[in-house]
Amino acid sequence: MFKKSDYLLLGAAFFSFCFSVGLWFTGLKDEGMYVGIWVPSILAAGGYFKQVLNQK
């Protein structure tokens, strides 16, 4: 069902989420919010590339 690339993208998004939560709770709230914005960007880029590569 899932390919290796899907797991890689989900892992990168999860790592970004965990990193942003860690930054937030260590007092670096601005940096945590910035890194938290990466999560939907990673997922959107992954969905885009998956769709583009499957069309060919």
C-alpha atoms as a PDB file:
ATOM      1  CA  MET A   1       0.000   0.000   0.000  1.00  0.00           C
ATOM      2  CA  PHE A   2       2.658   2.534   1.042  1.00  0.00           C
ATOM      3  CA  LYS A   3       5.940   2.937  -0.781  1.00  0.00           C
ATOM      4  CA  LYS A   4       9.294   3.654   0.805  1.00  0.00           C
ATOM      5  CA  SER A   5       9.037   7.279  -0.340  1.00  0.00           C
ATOM      6  CA  ASP A   6       5.706   7.649   1.485  1.00  0.00           C
ATOM      7  CA  TYR A   7       7.301   6.499   4.726  1.00  0.00           C
ATOM      8  CA  LEU A   8      10.187   8.895   4.172  1.00  0.00           C
ATOM      9  CA  LEU A   9       7.846  11.863   3.703  1.00  0.00           C
ATOM     10  CA  LEU A  10       5.707  10.925   6.688  1.00  0.00           C
ATOM     11  CA  GLY A  11       8.860  10.450   8.765  1.00  0.00           C
ATOM     12  CA  ALA A  12      10.171  13.865   7.752  1.00  0.00           C
ATOM     13  CA  ALA A  13       6.850  15.502   8.632  1.00  0.00           C
ATOM     14  CA  PHE A  14       6.728  13.676  11.972  1.00  0.00           C
ATOM     15  CA  PHE A  15      10.324  14.653  12.769  1.00  0.00           C
ATOM     16  CA  SER A  16       9.507  18.272  11.942  1.00  0.00           C
ATOM     17  CA  PHE A  17       6.446  18.146  14.189  1.00  0.00           C
ATOM     18  CA  CYS A  18       8.410  16.657  17.096  1.00  0.00           C
ATOM     19  CA  PHE A  19      11.216  19.170  16.601  1.00  0.00           C
ATOM     20  CA  SER A  20       8.755  22.079  16.640  1.00  0.00           C
ATOM     21  CA  VAL A  21       7.092  20.791  19.817  1.00  0.00           C
ATOM     22  CA  GLY A  22      10.502  20.425  21.437  1.00  0.00           C
ATOM     23  CA  LEU A  23      11.454  23.965  20.508  1.00  0.00           C
ATOM     24  CA  TRP A  24       8.130  25.292  21.771  1.00  0.00           C
ATOM     25  CA  PHE A  25       8.439  23.656  25.191  1.00  0.00           C
ATOM     26  CA  THR A  26      12.074  24.682  25.664  1.00  0.00           C
ATOM     27  CA  GLY A  27      11.031  28.320  25.422  1.00  0.00           C
ATOM     28  CA  LEU A  28      11.887  28.978  21.779  1.00  0.00           C
ATOM     29  CA  LYS A  29       8.295  29.629  20.759  1.00  0.00           C
ATOM     30  CA  ASP A  30       8.978  31.640  17.607  1.00  0.00           C
ATOM     31  CA  GLU A  31      11.375  29.011  16.300  1.00  0.00           C
ATOM     32  CA  GLY A  32       8.900  26.262  17.197  1.00  0.00           C
ATOM     33  CA  MET A  33       6.142  27.962  15.225  1.00  0.00           C
ATOM     34  CA  TYR A  34       8.468  28.421  12.250  1.00  0.00           C
ATOM     35  CA  VAL A  35       9.474  24.763  12.204  1.00  0.00           C
ATOM     36  CA  GLY A  36       5.828  23.768  12.722  1.00  0.00           C
ATOM     37  CA  ILE A  37       4.966  25.443   9.429  1.00  0.00           C
ATOM     38  CA  TRP A  38       7.241  22.924   7.687  1.00  0.00           C
ATOM     39  CA  VAL A  39       4.875  20.016   8.406  1.00  0.00           C
ATOM     40  CA  PRO A  40       2.110  20.902   5.923  1.00  0.00           C
ATOM     41  CA  SER A  41       4.735  22.095   3.438  1.00  0.00           C
ATOM     42  CA  ILE A  42       6.498  18.720   3.521  1.00  0.00           C
ATOM     43  CA  LEU A  43       3.221  16.841   3.154  1.00  0.00           C
ATOM     44  CA  ALA A  44       2.034  19.090   0.309  1.00  0.00           C
ATOM     45  CA  ALA A  45       5.335  18.764  -1.561  1.00  0.00           C
ATOM     46  CA  GLY A  46       5.203  14.997  -1.129  1.00  0.00           C
ATOM     47  CA  GLY A  47       1.649  14.820  -2.428  1.00  0.00           C
ATOM     48  CA  TYR A  48       2.539  16.999  -5.391  1.00  0.00           C
ATOM     49  CA  PHE A  49       5.570  14.947  -6.385  1.00  0.00           C
ATOM     50  CA  LYS A  50       3.678  11.692  -5.898  1.00  0.00           C
ATOM     51  CA  GLN A  51       0.921  12.920  -8.202  1.00  0.00           C
ATOM     52  CA  VAL A  52       3.325  14.249 -10.829  1.00  0.00           C
ATOM     53  CA  LEU A  53       5.425  11.084 -10.873  1.00  0.00           C
ATOM     54  CA  ASN A  54       2.372   8.818 -11.114  1.00  0.00           C
ATOM     55  CA  GLN A  55       1.092  10.620 -14.221  1.00  0.00           C
ATOM     56  CA  LYS A  56       4.102   9.606 -16.300  1.00  0.00           C
END
